[in-house]
Amino acid sequence: MKKNSIGRTVFLGVGLAVIAVLAYLVWQHFTGGAEHPNWEKVHFGHSREQVLERMGEPSDETPEFPLRRPKERAEADNSRAVTWLIYRRGNVTYVIGLAKDGRVAHLVRGGP
C-alpha cells in the first residue's frame, strides 16, 4: 500500500467516527437522551417502597394525573391509581400510579 492510501483510510475512519458521535449527540438532544435505567424494573403490584428502591425519590408526587394526552389521561382515569409519582429525565416523563393500598396500578412514559 502507498502512504497516501493509508492516510486516506485513516482520515476516512476518523471522519466516520466523528459523524457517528455527532449523530448520537443530536439524537440525545432531540429525544431528551435521558432514559431512566430502572424504568423496566418497575411492575404492576410493586409497593411504593419497591418503586423508590428502583427509581429513587420522585421529582413530584400529586393526586392529579400530570400528562395531557387524551389517550394517556383516559387510561389513567380507568386505573385504580389515586397518587402519581412523577420522574422527569430530559424530555421524558415517567409516571407511576399508586392505588389506595400503595401498590403500582398504572405505568406510563411520555412527554410533559
N, C-alpha and C. Protein backbone atom coordinates (compact mmCIF):
# COMPACT_ATOMS: atom_id res chain seq x y z
N MET A 1 0.82 -1.18 0.00
CA MET A 1 0.00 0.00 0.00
C MET A 1 0.86 1.24 0.00
N LYS A 2 0.37 2.25 -0.64
CA LYS A 2 1.07 3.52 -0.66
C LYS A 2 0.77 4.30 0.61
N LYS A 3 1.67 5.22 0.96
CA LYS A 3 1.46 6.07 2.13
C LYS A 3 0.17 6.88 2.00
N ASN A 4 -0.10 7.38 0.82
CA ASN A 4 -1.30 8.18 0.57
C ASN A 4 -2.56 7.37 0.85
N SER A 5 -2.55 6.11 0.46
CA SER A 5 -3.70 5.24 0.63
C SER A 5 -3.99 5.00 2.11
N ILE A 6 -2.94 4.78 2.91
CA ILE A 6 -3.10 4.57 4.34
C ILE A 6 -3.63 5.84 5.00
N GLY A 7 -3.11 6.98 4.62
CA GLY A 7 -3.56 8.26 5.17
C GLY A 7 -5.02 8.52 4.87
N ARG A 8 -5.44 8.20 3.65
CA ARG A 8 -6.85 8.38 3.30
C ARG A 8 -7.75 7.44 4.10
N THR A 9 -7.30 6.23 4.29
CA THR A 9 -8.08 5.25 5.05
C THR A 9 -8.24 5.70 6.50
N VAL A 10 -7.16 6.17 7.11
CA VAL A 10 -7.22 6.66 8.48
C VAL A 10 -8.13 7.89 8.55
N PHE A 11 -7.99 8.80 7.62
CA PHE A 11 -8.82 10.00 7.57
C PHE A 11 -10.29 9.63 7.43
N LEU A 12 -10.60 8.69 6.56
CA LEU A 12 -11.97 8.24 6.36
C LEU A 12 -12.52 7.60 7.64
N GLY A 13 -11.73 6.78 8.30
CA GLY A 13 -12.15 6.14 9.55
C GLY A 13 -12.44 7.15 10.64
N VAL A 14 -11.56 8.12 10.80
CA VAL A 14 -11.75 9.17 11.80
C VAL A 14 -12.99 10.00 11.46
N GLY A 15 -13.14 10.30 10.19
CA GLY A 15 -14.32 11.07 9.75
C GLY A 15 -15.61 10.35 10.05
N LEU A 16 -15.67 9.05 9.80
CA LEU A 16 -16.86 8.27 10.09
C LEU A 16 -17.14 8.21 11.60
N ALA A 17 -16.10 8.09 12.40
CA ALA A 17 -16.26 8.08 13.85
C ALA A 17 -16.83 9.42 14.34
N VAL A 18 -16.33 10.51 13.80
CA VAL A 18 -16.82 11.84 14.19
C VAL A 18 -18.29 11.99 13.80
N ILE A 19 -18.66 11.53 12.62
CA ILE A 19 -20.06 11.60 12.17
C ILE A 19 -20.95 10.77 13.09
N ALA A 20 -20.50 9.59 13.49
CA ALA A 20 -21.28 8.73 14.39
C ALA A 20 -21.49 9.41 15.73
N VAL A 21 -20.45 10.01 16.28
CA VAL A 21 -20.56 10.69 17.58
C VAL A 21 -21.51 11.88 17.46
N LEU A 22 -21.39 12.66 16.40
CA LEU A 22 -22.29 13.80 16.22
C LEU A 22 -23.74 13.36 16.05
N ALA A 23 -23.97 12.29 15.31
CA ALA A 23 -25.33 11.77 15.14
C ALA A 23 -25.91 11.34 16.49
N TYR A 24 -25.10 10.69 17.30
CA TYR A 24 -25.54 10.26 18.63
C TYR A 24 -25.89 11.47 19.49
N LEU A 25 -25.08 12.49 19.47
CA LEU A 25 -25.34 13.68 20.28
C LEU A 25 -26.62 14.40 19.83
N VAL A 26 -26.84 14.46 18.53
CA VAL A 26 -28.07 15.06 18.00
C VAL A 26 -29.27 14.24 18.45
N TRP A 27 -29.17 12.91 18.36
CA TRP A 27 -30.26 12.03 18.81
C TRP A 27 -30.54 12.25 20.30
N GLN A 28 -29.51 12.33 21.10
CA GLN A 28 -29.67 12.56 22.54
C GLN A 28 -30.39 13.88 22.79
N HIS A 29 -30.02 14.90 22.04
CA HIS A 29 -30.63 16.22 22.24
C HIS A 29 -32.12 16.19 21.94
N PHE A 30 -32.52 15.59 20.83
CA PHE A 30 -33.91 15.61 20.41
C PHE A 30 -34.79 14.60 21.12
N THR A 31 -34.23 13.57 21.69
CA THR A 31 -35.05 12.58 22.41
C THR A 31 -35.02 12.83 23.90
N GLY A 32 -34.29 13.81 24.33
CA GLY A 32 -34.17 14.06 25.75
C GLY A 32 -32.97 13.32 26.31
N GLY A 33 -32.60 12.22 25.65
CA GLY A 33 -31.40 11.48 25.99
C GLY A 33 -31.32 11.06 27.44
N ALA A 34 -32.45 10.79 28.04
CA ALA A 34 -32.41 10.54 29.46
C ALA A 34 -33.32 9.39 29.84
N GLU A 35 -33.01 8.24 29.41
CA GLU A 35 -33.77 7.07 29.82
C GLU A 35 -33.46 6.77 31.27
N HIS A 36 -34.48 6.47 32.04
CA HIS A 36 -34.25 6.09 33.43
C HIS A 36 -33.79 4.63 33.42
N PRO A 37 -32.63 4.34 33.99
CA PRO A 37 -32.06 2.99 33.89
C PRO A 37 -32.90 1.91 34.56
N ASN A 38 -33.78 2.27 35.49
CA ASN A 38 -34.54 1.25 36.21
C ASN A 38 -36.02 1.21 35.87
N TRP A 39 -36.44 1.97 34.86
CA TRP A 39 -37.86 2.01 34.48
C TRP A 39 -38.40 0.61 34.19
N GLU A 40 -37.65 -0.19 33.50
CA GLU A 40 -38.11 -1.53 33.12
C GLU A 40 -38.22 -2.47 34.33
N LYS A 41 -37.69 -2.06 35.47
CA LYS A 41 -37.70 -2.91 36.67
C LYS A 41 -38.90 -2.64 37.57
N VAL A 42 -39.75 -1.69 37.19
CA VAL A 42 -40.94 -1.37 37.98
C VAL A 42 -42.13 -2.08 37.33
N HIS A 43 -42.91 -2.81 38.15
CA HIS A 43 -44.01 -3.61 37.61
C HIS A 43 -45.28 -3.39 38.42
N PHE A 44 -46.41 -3.70 37.79
CA PHE A 44 -47.70 -3.64 38.47
C PHE A 44 -47.64 -4.48 39.74
N GLY A 45 -48.19 -3.96 40.81
CA GLY A 45 -48.22 -4.69 42.07
C GLY A 45 -47.05 -4.39 42.98
N HIS A 46 -46.00 -3.76 42.47
CA HIS A 46 -44.88 -3.38 43.34
C HIS A 46 -45.36 -2.38 44.38
N SER A 47 -44.77 -2.45 45.55
CA SER A 47 -45.11 -1.49 46.61
C SER A 47 -44.41 -0.16 46.35
N ARG A 48 -44.87 0.86 47.03
CA ARG A 48 -44.24 2.18 46.94
C ARG A 48 -42.75 2.08 47.29
N GLU A 49 -42.44 1.31 48.32
CA GLU A 49 -41.04 1.13 48.74
C GLU A 49 -40.20 0.49 47.64
N GLN A 50 -40.76 -0.49 46.95
CA GLN A 50 -40.04 -1.14 45.85
C GLN A 50 -39.79 -0.15 44.72
N VAL A 51 -40.77 0.70 44.44
CA VAL A 51 -40.61 1.72 43.40
C VAL A 51 -39.48 2.68 43.79
N LEU A 52 -39.50 3.15 45.03
CA LEU A 52 -38.48 4.09 45.48
C LEU A 52 -37.09 3.46 45.47
N GLU A 53 -37.00 2.17 45.78
CA GLU A 53 -35.70 1.47 45.71
C GLU A 53 -35.16 1.48 44.29
N ARG A 54 -36.03 1.29 43.32
CA ARG A 54 -35.60 1.19 41.93
C ARG A 54 -35.43 2.56 41.26
N MET A 55 -36.37 3.47 41.51
CA MET A 55 -36.40 4.74 40.79
C MET A 55 -35.83 5.92 41.58
N GLY A 56 -35.70 5.77 42.89
CA GLY A 56 -35.26 6.89 43.71
C GLY A 56 -36.43 7.78 44.06
N GLU A 57 -36.15 8.92 44.65
CA GLU A 57 -37.19 9.87 45.02
C GLU A 57 -37.78 10.51 43.76
N PRO A 58 -39.10 10.65 43.71
CA PRO A 58 -39.72 11.26 42.52
C PRO A 58 -39.46 12.76 42.45
N SER A 59 -39.55 13.30 41.24
CA SER A 59 -39.46 14.75 41.04
C SER A 59 -40.65 15.44 41.67
N ASP A 60 -41.78 14.72 41.65
CA ASP A 60 -43.02 15.29 42.18
C ASP A 60 -43.96 14.14 42.54
N GLU A 61 -44.92 14.44 43.40
CA GLU A 61 -45.96 13.48 43.77
C GLU A 61 -47.25 14.26 43.85
N THR A 62 -48.29 13.76 43.18
CA THR A 62 -49.53 14.52 43.09
C THR A 62 -50.74 13.59 42.99
N PRO A 63 -51.91 14.07 43.41
CA PRO A 63 -53.13 13.29 43.23
C PRO A 63 -53.72 13.46 41.83
N GLU A 64 -53.18 14.39 41.06
CA GLU A 64 -53.67 14.65 39.70
C GLU A 64 -52.74 14.02 38.67
N PHE A 65 -53.31 13.33 37.67
CA PHE A 65 -52.50 12.75 36.60
C PHE A 65 -51.85 13.89 35.81
N PRO A 66 -50.52 13.87 35.64
CA PRO A 66 -49.81 15.04 35.11
C PRO A 66 -49.72 15.16 33.59
N LEU A 67 -49.97 14.10 32.83
CA LEU A 67 -49.79 14.18 31.38
C LEU A 67 -51.07 14.66 30.70
N ARG A 68 -50.92 15.29 29.54
CA ARG A 68 -52.05 15.93 28.88
C ARG A 68 -52.66 15.14 27.74
N ARG A 69 -51.98 14.15 27.22
CA ARG A 69 -52.50 13.44 26.06
C ARG A 69 -53.80 12.72 26.41
N PRO A 70 -54.83 12.88 25.58
CA PRO A 70 -56.15 12.30 25.88
C PRO A 70 -56.13 10.78 26.10
N LYS A 71 -55.39 10.05 25.28
CA LYS A 71 -55.35 8.60 25.43
C LYS A 71 -54.74 8.22 26.78
N GLU A 72 -53.63 8.83 27.13
CA GLU A 72 -52.98 8.54 28.40
C GLU A 72 -53.86 8.94 29.58
N ARG A 73 -54.55 10.07 29.45
CA ARG A 73 -55.44 10.53 30.52
C ARG A 73 -56.60 9.56 30.70
N ALA A 74 -57.18 9.08 29.61
CA ALA A 74 -58.30 8.14 29.69
C ALA A 74 -57.86 6.83 30.36
N GLU A 75 -56.68 6.34 29.98
CA GLU A 75 -56.17 5.12 30.59
C GLU A 75 -55.92 5.33 32.10
N ALA A 76 -55.41 6.48 32.45
CA ALA A 76 -55.16 6.78 33.86
C ALA A 76 -56.47 6.87 34.64
N ASP A 77 -57.48 7.49 34.03
CA ASP A 77 -58.78 7.62 34.69
C ASP A 77 -59.42 6.25 34.94
N ASN A 78 -59.11 5.28 34.08
CA ASN A 78 -59.67 3.93 34.21
C ASN A 78 -58.85 3.05 35.13
N SER A 79 -57.73 3.54 35.61
CA SER A 79 -56.90 2.75 36.52
C SER A 79 -57.37 2.97 37.95
N ARG A 80 -56.82 2.20 38.86
CA ARG A 80 -57.16 2.33 40.29
C ARG A 80 -56.26 3.35 40.98
N ALA A 81 -55.37 3.98 40.24
CA ALA A 81 -54.38 4.89 40.84
C ALA A 81 -55.02 6.12 41.46
N VAL A 82 -54.52 6.48 42.64
CA VAL A 82 -55.01 7.68 43.33
C VAL A 82 -53.88 8.67 43.62
N THR A 83 -52.66 8.20 43.51
CA THR A 83 -51.47 9.03 43.71
C THR A 83 -50.51 8.78 42.57
N TRP A 84 -49.87 9.84 42.09
CA TRP A 84 -48.96 9.73 40.95
C TRP A 84 -47.56 10.16 41.35
N LEU A 85 -46.60 9.26 41.13
CA LEU A 85 -45.18 9.58 41.33
C LEU A 85 -44.63 9.99 39.97
N ILE A 86 -43.98 11.12 39.90
CA ILE A 86 -43.51 11.66 38.62
C ILE A 86 -41.99 11.76 38.64
N TYR A 87 -41.39 11.20 37.60
CA TYR A 87 -39.94 11.24 37.43
C TYR A 87 -39.67 11.91 36.09
N ARG A 88 -38.91 13.00 36.10
CA ARG A 88 -38.57 13.71 34.86
C ARG A 88 -37.09 13.53 34.58
N ARG A 89 -36.82 13.14 33.34
CA ARG A 89 -35.43 12.99 32.88
C ARG A 89 -35.36 13.53 31.46
N GLY A 90 -34.81 14.70 31.32
CA GLY A 90 -34.75 15.32 30.00
C GLY A 90 -36.17 15.60 29.52
N ASN A 91 -36.48 15.19 28.30
CA ASN A 91 -37.81 15.41 27.73
C ASN A 91 -38.77 14.26 28.04
N VAL A 92 -38.33 13.32 28.83
CA VAL A 92 -39.14 12.15 29.13
C VAL A 92 -39.70 12.25 30.55
N THR A 93 -40.99 11.96 30.68
CA THR A 93 -41.63 11.94 31.98
C THR A 93 -42.12 10.53 32.25
N TYR A 94 -41.74 9.99 33.39
CA TYR A 94 -42.18 8.66 33.82
C TYR A 94 -43.20 8.88 34.92
N VAL A 95 -44.37 8.25 34.78
CA VAL A 95 -45.43 8.43 35.76
C VAL A 95 -45.85 7.06 36.29
N ILE A 96 -45.85 6.94 37.59
CA ILE A 96 -46.23 5.68 38.25
C ILE A 96 -47.43 5.97 39.13
N GLY A 97 -48.54 5.31 38.83
CA GLY A 97 -49.75 5.48 39.60
C GLY A 97 -49.85 4.45 40.71
N LEU A 98 -50.10 4.91 41.91
CA LEU A 98 -50.26 4.02 43.05
C LEU A 98 -51.73 3.96 43.46
N ALA A 99 -52.21 2.76 43.75
CA ALA A 99 -53.57 2.57 44.23
C ALA A 99 -53.64 2.93 45.71
N LYS A 100 -54.83 2.85 46.29
CA LYS A 100 -55.01 3.18 47.72
C LYS A 100 -54.13 2.33 48.62
N ASP A 101 -53.87 1.08 48.20
CA ASP A 101 -53.04 0.20 49.03
C ASP A 101 -51.54 0.46 48.86
N GLY A 102 -51.18 1.47 48.05
CA GLY A 102 -49.78 1.83 47.88
C GLY A 102 -49.03 0.98 46.87
N ARG A 103 -49.76 0.23 46.06
CA ARG A 103 -49.13 -0.63 45.05
C ARG A 103 -49.32 -0.03 43.66
N VAL A 104 -48.38 -0.35 42.78
CA VAL A 104 -48.41 0.18 41.41
C VAL A 104 -49.66 -0.33 40.69
N ALA A 105 -50.45 0.63 40.20
CA ALA A 105 -51.67 0.32 39.47
C ALA A 105 -51.62 0.83 38.04
N HIS A 106 -50.64 1.68 37.74
CA HIS A 106 -50.56 2.26 36.39
C HIS A 106 -49.13 2.71 36.12
N LEU A 107 -48.68 2.50 34.89
CA LEU A 107 -47.34 2.93 34.47
C LEU A 107 -47.47 3.60 33.11
N VAL A 108 -46.85 4.75 32.96
CA VAL A 108 -46.85 5.42 31.66
C VAL A 108 -45.57 6.23 31.52
N ARG A 109 -45.05 6.25 30.30
CA ARG A 109 -43.85 7.02 29.97
C ARG A 109 -44.22 7.90 28.79
N GLY A 110 -43.94 9.18 28.89
CA GLY A 110 -44.30 10.06 27.78
C GLY A 110 -43.69 11.43 27.94
N GLY A 111 -44.22 12.34 27.15
CA GLY A 111 -43.77 13.72 27.20
C GLY A 111 -44.48 14.47 28.30
N PRO A 112 -44.14 15.73 28.45
CA PRO A 112 -44.73 16.54 29.52
C PRO A 112 -46.22 16.76 29.35
